[in-house]
């Protein structure tokens, strides 16, 4: 239930913001939000991240469908106690489905409208809420894997100490 809430929330926010972008940014003129840093501008992307593989939108759509199904499967099988993993998978799935919805309903293109730059010198490719959710979700999955590794190391060390205590072994340090 929590996983579905994340997915639906991201999907809804993504599609609403894209509809607003298509409506209000149709002229093509950027709307400067923070001068030199952040603007809103309408772009249509037929490729993957950073417009990669834009000449193969059908293949990208098929891959997106398969990956989305796999992420949903993992999200639904994740125990409720793993809240960070559920949130992360929900963000990734919701973002993937948001971009997939664009590909199905907007002629194999994805609407991008968030435009970041550094005082017009360095420019980040234009993106959308779905892209941001996917990146945040993947970051959370890496964080969760890192934290899990730390917990496992701690548990292994603690278990080793308990075994030594139980068998009467003590550790001495030699210098």
C-alpha atoms as a PDB file:
ATOM      1  CA  UNK A   1       0.000   0.000   0.000  1.00  0.00           C
ATOM      2  CA  UNK A   2       2.805   2.428   0.898  1.00  0.00           C
ATOM      3  CA  UNK A   3       4.690   1.495  -2.288  1.00  0.00           C
ATOM      4  CA  UNK A   4       1.593   2.210  -4.399  1.00  0.00           C
ATOM      5  CA  UNK A   5       1.220   5.595  -2.685  1.00  0.00           C
ATOM      6  CA  UNK A   6       4.764   6.560  -3.679  1.00  0.00           C
ATOM      7  CA  UNK A   7       4.251   5.382  -7.265  1.00  0.00           C
ATOM      8  CA  UNK A   8       0.887   7.116  -7.709  1.00  0.00           C
ATOM      9  CA  UNK A   9       2.114  10.285  -5.991  1.00  0.00           C
ATOM     10  CA  UNK A  10       5.172  10.627  -8.231  1.00  0.00           C
ATOM     11  CA  UNK A  11       3.214   9.697 -11.356  1.00  0.00           C
ATOM     12  CA  UNK A  12       0.469  12.235 -10.573  1.00  0.00           C
ATOM     13  CA  UNK A  13       2.892  15.049  -9.687  1.00  0.00           C
ATOM     14  CA  UNK A  14       4.924  14.343 -12.822  1.00  0.00           C
ATOM     15  CA  UNK A  15       1.931  14.311 -15.168  1.00  0.00           C
ATOM     16  CA  UNK A  16       0.348  17.413 -13.608  1.00  0.00           C
ATOM     17  CA  UNK A  17       3.581  19.423 -13.858  1.00  0.00           C
ATOM     18  CA  UNK A  18       4.109  18.282 -17.446  1.00  0.00           C
ATOM     19  CA  UNK A  19       0.564  19.304 -18.396  1.00  0.00           C
ATOM     20  CA  UNK A  20       1.171  22.714 -16.805  1.00  0.00           C
ATOM     21  CA  UNK A  21       4.493  23.035 -18.637  1.00  0.00           C
ATOM     22  CA  UNK A  22       2.911  22.180 -22.001  1.00  0.00           C
ATOM     23  CA  UNK A  23       0.154  24.719 -21.362  1.00  0.00           C
ATOM     24  CA  UNK A  24       2.135  27.635 -19.930  1.00  0.00           C
ATOM     25  CA  UNK A  25       5.486  27.212 -21.697  1.00  0.00           C
ATOM     26  CA  UNK A  26       4.170  26.526 -25.203  1.00  0.00           C
ATOM     27  CA  UNK A  27       5.641  29.766 -26.574  1.00  0.00           C
ATOM     28  CA  UNK A  28       9.125  28.313 -26.113  1.00  0.00           C
ATOM     29  CA  UNK A  29      10.363  31.356 -24.225  1.00  0.00           C
ATOM     30  CA  UNK A  30      12.118  30.423 -20.979  1.00  0.00           C
ATOM     31  CA  UNK A  31      10.657  31.599 -17.688  1.00  0.00           C
ATOM     32  CA  UNK A  32      13.539  32.630 -15.455  1.00  0.00           C
ATOM     33  CA  UNK A  33      12.981  31.581 -11.849  1.00  0.00           C
ATOM     34  CA  UNK A  34      16.459  32.251 -10.419  1.00  0.00           C
ATOM     35  CA  UNK A  35      18.563  34.365 -12.801  1.00  0.00           C
ATOM     36  CA  UNK A  36      21.687  32.552 -13.896  1.00  0.00           C
ATOM     37  CA  UNK A  37      20.663  29.289 -12.208  1.00  0.00           C
ATOM     38  CA  UNK A  38      17.162  27.987 -12.885  1.00  0.00           C
ATOM     39  CA  UNK A  39      14.547  28.439 -15.597  1.00  0.00           C
ATOM     40  CA  UNK A  40      11.471  26.702 -16.925  1.00  0.00           C
ATOM     41  CA  UNK A  41      11.555  25.903 -20.636  1.00  0.00           C
ATOM     42  CA  UNK A  42       9.563  23.397 -22.686  1.00  0.00           C
ATOM     43  CA  UNK A  43      11.525  20.637 -24.411  1.00  0.00           C
ATOM     44  CA  UNK A  44      10.422  17.377 -26.020  1.00  0.00           C
ATOM     45  CA  UNK A  45      12.935  14.544 -25.631  1.00  0.00           C
ATOM     46  CA  UNK A  46      12.644  11.403 -27.743  1.00  0.00           C
ATOM     47  CA  UNK A  47      15.706   9.806 -26.119  1.00  0.00           C
ATOM     48  CA  UNK A  48      16.612   8.490 -22.713  1.00  0.00           C
ATOM     49  CA  UNK A  49      18.480  10.519 -20.099  1.00  0.00           C
ATOM     50  CA  UNK A  50      20.358  13.422 -21.703  1.00  0.00           C
ATOM     51  CA  UNK A  51      18.685  12.564 -25.068  1.00  0.00           C
ATOM     52  CA  UNK A  52      20.706   9.365 -25.459  1.00  0.00           C
ATOM     53  CA  UNK A  53      19.400   6.894 -28.066  1.00  0.00           C
ATOM     54  CA  UNK A  54      16.866   9.407 -29.401  1.00  0.00           C
ATOM     55  CA  UNK A  55      16.859   7.612 -32.752  1.00  0.00           C
ATOM     56  CA  UNK A  56      15.375   4.462 -31.136  1.00  0.00           C
ATOM     57  CA  UNK A  57      12.274   5.570 -29.184  1.00  0.00           C
ATOM     58  CA  UNK A  58      10.440   2.254 -29.681  1.00  0.00           C
ATOM     59  CA  UNK A  59      13.290   0.265 -28.148  1.00  0.00           C
ATOM     60  CA  UNK A  60      13.497   2.739 -25.251  1.00  0.00           C
ATOM     61  CA  UNK A  61       9.771   2.334 -24.634  1.00  0.00           C
ATOM     62  CA  UNK A  62      10.053  -1.461 -24.575  1.00  0.00           C
ATOM     63  CA  UNK A  63      13.019  -1.327 -22.180  1.00  0.00           C
ATOM     64  CA  UNK A  64      11.133   1.145 -19.970  1.00  0.00           C
ATOM     65  CA  UNK A  65       8.139  -1.223 -19.831  1.00  0.00           C
ATOM     66  CA  UNK A  66      10.310  -4.172 -18.782  1.00  0.00           C
ATOM     67  CA  UNK A  67      12.255  -2.189 -16.187  1.00  0.00           C
ATOM     68  CA  UNK A  68       9.077  -0.647 -14.772  1.00  0.00           C
ATOM     69  CA  UNK A  69       7.506  -4.088 -14.398  1.00  0.00           C
ATOM     70  CA  UNK A  70      10.626  -5.389 -12.641  1.00  0.00           C
ATOM     71  CA  UNK A  71      10.749  -2.427 -10.248  1.00  0.00           C
ATOM     72  CA  UNK A  72       7.044  -2.768  -9.437  1.00  0.00           C
ATOM     73  CA  UNK A  73       7.561  -6.490  -8.776  1.00  0.00           C
ATOM     74  CA  UNK A  74      10.451  -5.716  -6.411  1.00  0.00           C
ATOM     75  CA  UNK A  75       8.493  -2.936  -4.701  1.00  0.00           C
ATOM     76  CA  UNK A  76       5.464  -5.130  -4.084  1.00  0.00           C
ATOM     77  CA  UNK A  77       7.650  -7.902  -2.638  1.00  0.00           C
ATOM     78  CA  UNK A  78       9.579  -5.594  -0.299  1.00  0.00           C
ATOM     79  CA  UNK A  79       8.602  -6.079   3.365  1.00  0.00           C
ATOM     80  CA  UNK A  80       6.718  -3.142   4.903  1.00  0.00           C
ATOM     81  CA  UNK A  81       9.466  -2.659   7.507  1.00  0.00           C
ATOM     82  CA  UNK A  82      11.941  -1.698   4.733  1.00  0.00           C
ATOM     83  CA  UNK A  83      10.526   1.809   4.419  1.00  0.00           C
ATOM     84  CA  UNK A  84      13.585   3.362   2.781  1.00  0.00           C
ATOM     85  CA  UNK A  85      13.662   0.698   0.057  1.00  0.00           C
ATOM     86  CA  UNK A  86       9.911   1.039  -0.497  1.00  0.00           C
ATOM     87  CA  UNK A  87      10.242   4.824  -0.884  1.00  0.00           C
ATOM     88  CA  UNK A  88      13.237   4.449  -3.210  1.00  0.00           C
ATOM     89  CA  UNK A  89      11.565   1.850  -5.423  1.00  0.00           C
ATOM     90  CA  UNK A  90       8.343   3.883  -5.418  1.00  0.00           C
ATOM     91  CA  UNK A  91      10.225   6.974  -6.608  1.00  0.00           C
ATOM     92  CA  UNK A  92      11.976   5.023  -9.372  1.00  0.00           C
ATOM     93  CA  UNK A  93       8.804   3.216 -10.468  1.00  0.00           C
ATOM     94  CA  UNK A  94       6.684   6.379 -10.392  1.00  0.00           C
ATOM     95  CA  UNK A  95       9.293   8.272 -12.396  1.00  0.00           C
ATOM     96  CA  UNK A  96       9.700   5.488 -14.927  1.00  0.00           C
ATOM     97  CA  UNK A  97       5.928   5.256 -15.349  1.00  0.00           C
ATOM     98  CA  UNK A  98       5.656   9.035 -15.705  1.00  0.00           C
ATOM     99  CA  UNK A  99       8.096   9.037 -18.604  1.00  0.00           C
ATOM    100  CA  UNK A 100       6.482   5.896 -20.017  1.00  0.00           C
ATOM    101  CA  UNK A 101       3.073   7.607 -19.970  1.00  0.00           C
ATOM    102  CA  UNK A 102       4.603  10.428 -22.027  1.00  0.00           C
ATOM    103  CA  UNK A 103       6.005   7.974 -24.559  1.00  0.00           C
ATOM    104  CA  UNK A 104       2.587   6.326 -24.950  1.00  0.00           C
ATOM    105  CA  UNK A 105       0.474   9.492 -25.057  1.00  0.00           C
ATOM    106  CA  UNK A 106       2.849  12.091 -26.533  1.00  0.00           C
ATOM    107  CA  UNK A 107       4.224  10.282 -29.566  1.00  0.00           C
ATOM    108  CA  UNK A 108       7.301   8.595 -28.063  1.00  0.00           C
ATOM    109  CA  UNK A 109       8.599  11.865 -26.604  1.00  0.00           C
ATOM    110  CA  UNK A 110       9.006  12.938 -22.992  1.00  0.00           C
ATOM    111  CA  UNK A 111       8.214  16.461 -21.797  1.00  0.00           C
ATOM    112  CA  UNK A 112      11.141  18.127 -20.012  1.00  0.00           C
ATOM    113  CA  UNK A 113      10.906  21.608 -18.523  1.00  0.00           C
ATOM    114  CA  UNK A 114      13.306  22.079 -15.584  1.00  0.00           C
ATOM    115  CA  UNK A 115      16.421  23.865 -16.823  1.00  0.00           C
ATOM    116  CA  UNK A 116      19.472  24.224 -14.569  1.00  0.00           C
ATOM    117  CA  UNK A 117      22.576  26.181 -15.502  1.00  0.00           C
ATOM    118  CA  UNK A 118      25.479  27.926 -13.857  1.00  0.00           C
ATOM    119  CA  UNK A 119      25.319  31.561 -14.903  1.00  0.00           C
ATOM    120  CA  UNK A 120      24.771  30.486 -18.495  1.00  0.00           C
ATOM    121  CA  UNK A 121      28.228  28.883 -18.709  1.00  0.00           C
ATOM    122  CA  UNK A 122      27.626  25.313 -17.590  1.00  0.00           C
ATOM    123  CA  UNK A 123      24.273  23.770 -18.484  1.00  0.00           C
ATOM    124  CA  UNK A 124      22.587  20.642 -17.135  1.00  0.00           C
ATOM    125  CA  UNK A 125      20.274  18.882 -19.614  1.00  0.00           C
ATOM    126  CA  UNK A 126      16.631  19.865 -19.211  1.00  0.00           C
ATOM    127  CA  UNK A 127      14.703  17.337 -17.088  1.00  0.00           C
ATOM    128  CA  UNK A 128      11.345  16.748 -15.382  1.00  0.00           C
ATOM    129  CA  UNK A 129       9.881  15.556 -12.060  1.00  0.00           C
ATOM    130  CA  UNK A 130      10.019  11.905 -13.194  1.00  0.00           C
ATOM    131  CA  UNK A 131      13.749  12.186 -13.930  1.00  0.00           C
ATOM    132  CA  UNK A 132      14.380  13.796 -10.545  1.00  0.00           C
ATOM    133  CA  UNK A 133      12.361  11.074  -8.771  1.00  0.00           C
ATOM    134  CA  UNK A 134      14.332   8.338 -10.544  1.00  0.00           C
ATOM    135  CA  UNK A 135      17.664   9.906  -9.577  1.00  0.00           C
ATOM    136  CA  UNK A 136      16.607  10.456  -5.951  1.00  0.00           C
ATOM    137  CA  UNK A 137      15.239   6.895  -5.757  1.00  0.00           C
ATOM    138  CA  UNK A 138      18.474   5.412  -7.111  1.00  0.00           C
ATOM    139  CA  UNK A 139      20.445   7.538  -4.658  1.00  0.00           C
ATOM    140  CA  UNK A 140      18.300   6.204  -1.809  1.00  0.00           C
ATOM    141  CA  UNK A 141      18.890   2.627  -2.994  1.00  0.00           C
ATOM    142  CA  UNK A 142      22.655   3.231  -2.885  1.00  0.00           C
ATOM    143  CA  UNK A 143      22.290   4.769   0.582  1.00  0.00           C
ATOM    144  CA  UNK A 144      20.258   1.791   1.746  1.00  0.00           C
ATOM    145  CA  UNK A 145      22.849  -0.654   0.366  1.00  0.00           C
ATOM    146  CA  UNK A 146      25.626   1.269   2.122  1.00  0.00           C
ATOM    147  CA  UNK A 147      23.719   1.289   5.419  1.00  0.00           C
ATOM    148  CA  UNK A 148      22.936  -2.415   5.063  1.00  0.00           C
ATOM    149  CA  UNK A 149      26.620  -3.163   4.516  1.00  0.00           C
ATOM    150  CA  UNK A 150      27.515  -1.203   7.654  1.00  0.00           C
ATOM    151  CA  UNK A 151      24.854  -3.046   9.683  1.00  0.00           C
ATOM    152  CA  UNK A 152      26.094  -6.420   8.434  1.00  0.00           C
ATOM    153  CA  UNK A 153      29.707  -5.586   9.331  1.00  0.00           C
ATOM    154  CA  UNK A 154      28.611  -4.447  12.778  1.00  0.00           C
ATOM    155  CA  UNK A 155      26.522  -7.593  13.293  1.00  0.00           C
ATOM    156  CA  UNK A 156      29.404  -9.812  12.168  1.00  0.00           C
ATOM    157  CA  UNK A 157      31.822  -8.079  14.520  1.00  0.00           C
ATOM    158  CA  UNK A 158      29.353  -8.310  17.408  1.00  0.00           C
ATOM    159  CA  UNK A 159      28.730 -11.997  16.683  1.00  0.00           C
ATOM    160  CA  UNK A 160      32.482 -12.652  16.656  1.00  0.00           C
ATOM    161  CA  UNK A 161      32.876 -10.942  20.033  1.00  0.00           C
ATOM    162  CA  UNK A 162      30.033 -12.982  21.513  1.00  0.00           C
ATOM    163  CA  UNK A 163      31.567 -16.223  20.210  1.00  0.00           C
ATOM    164  CA  UNK A 164      34.905 -15.348  21.781  1.00  0.00           C
ATOM    165  CA  UNK A 165      33.230 -14.541  25.104  1.00  0.00           C
ATOM    166  CA  UNK A 166      31.261 -17.782  25.027  1.00  0.00           C
ATOM    167  CA  UNK A 167      34.387 -19.869  24.395  1.00  0.00           C
ATOM    168  CA  UNK A 168      36.462 -17.946  26.920  1.00  0.00           C
ATOM    169  CA  UNK A 169      38.794 -16.467  24.357  1.00  0.00           C
ATOM    170  CA  UNK A 170      40.052 -12.972  24.898  1.00  0.00           C
ATOM    171  CA  UNK A 171      41.660 -10.696  22.464  1.00  0.00           C
ATOM    172  CA  UNK A 172      45.023  -9.252  23.269  1.00  0.00           C
ATOM    173  CA  UNK A 173      46.687  -6.589  21.286  1.00  0.00           C
ATOM    174  CA  UNK A 174      50.286  -6.902  20.370  1.00  0.00           C
ATOM    175  CA  UNK A 175      52.300  -3.942  19.396  1.00  0.00           C
END
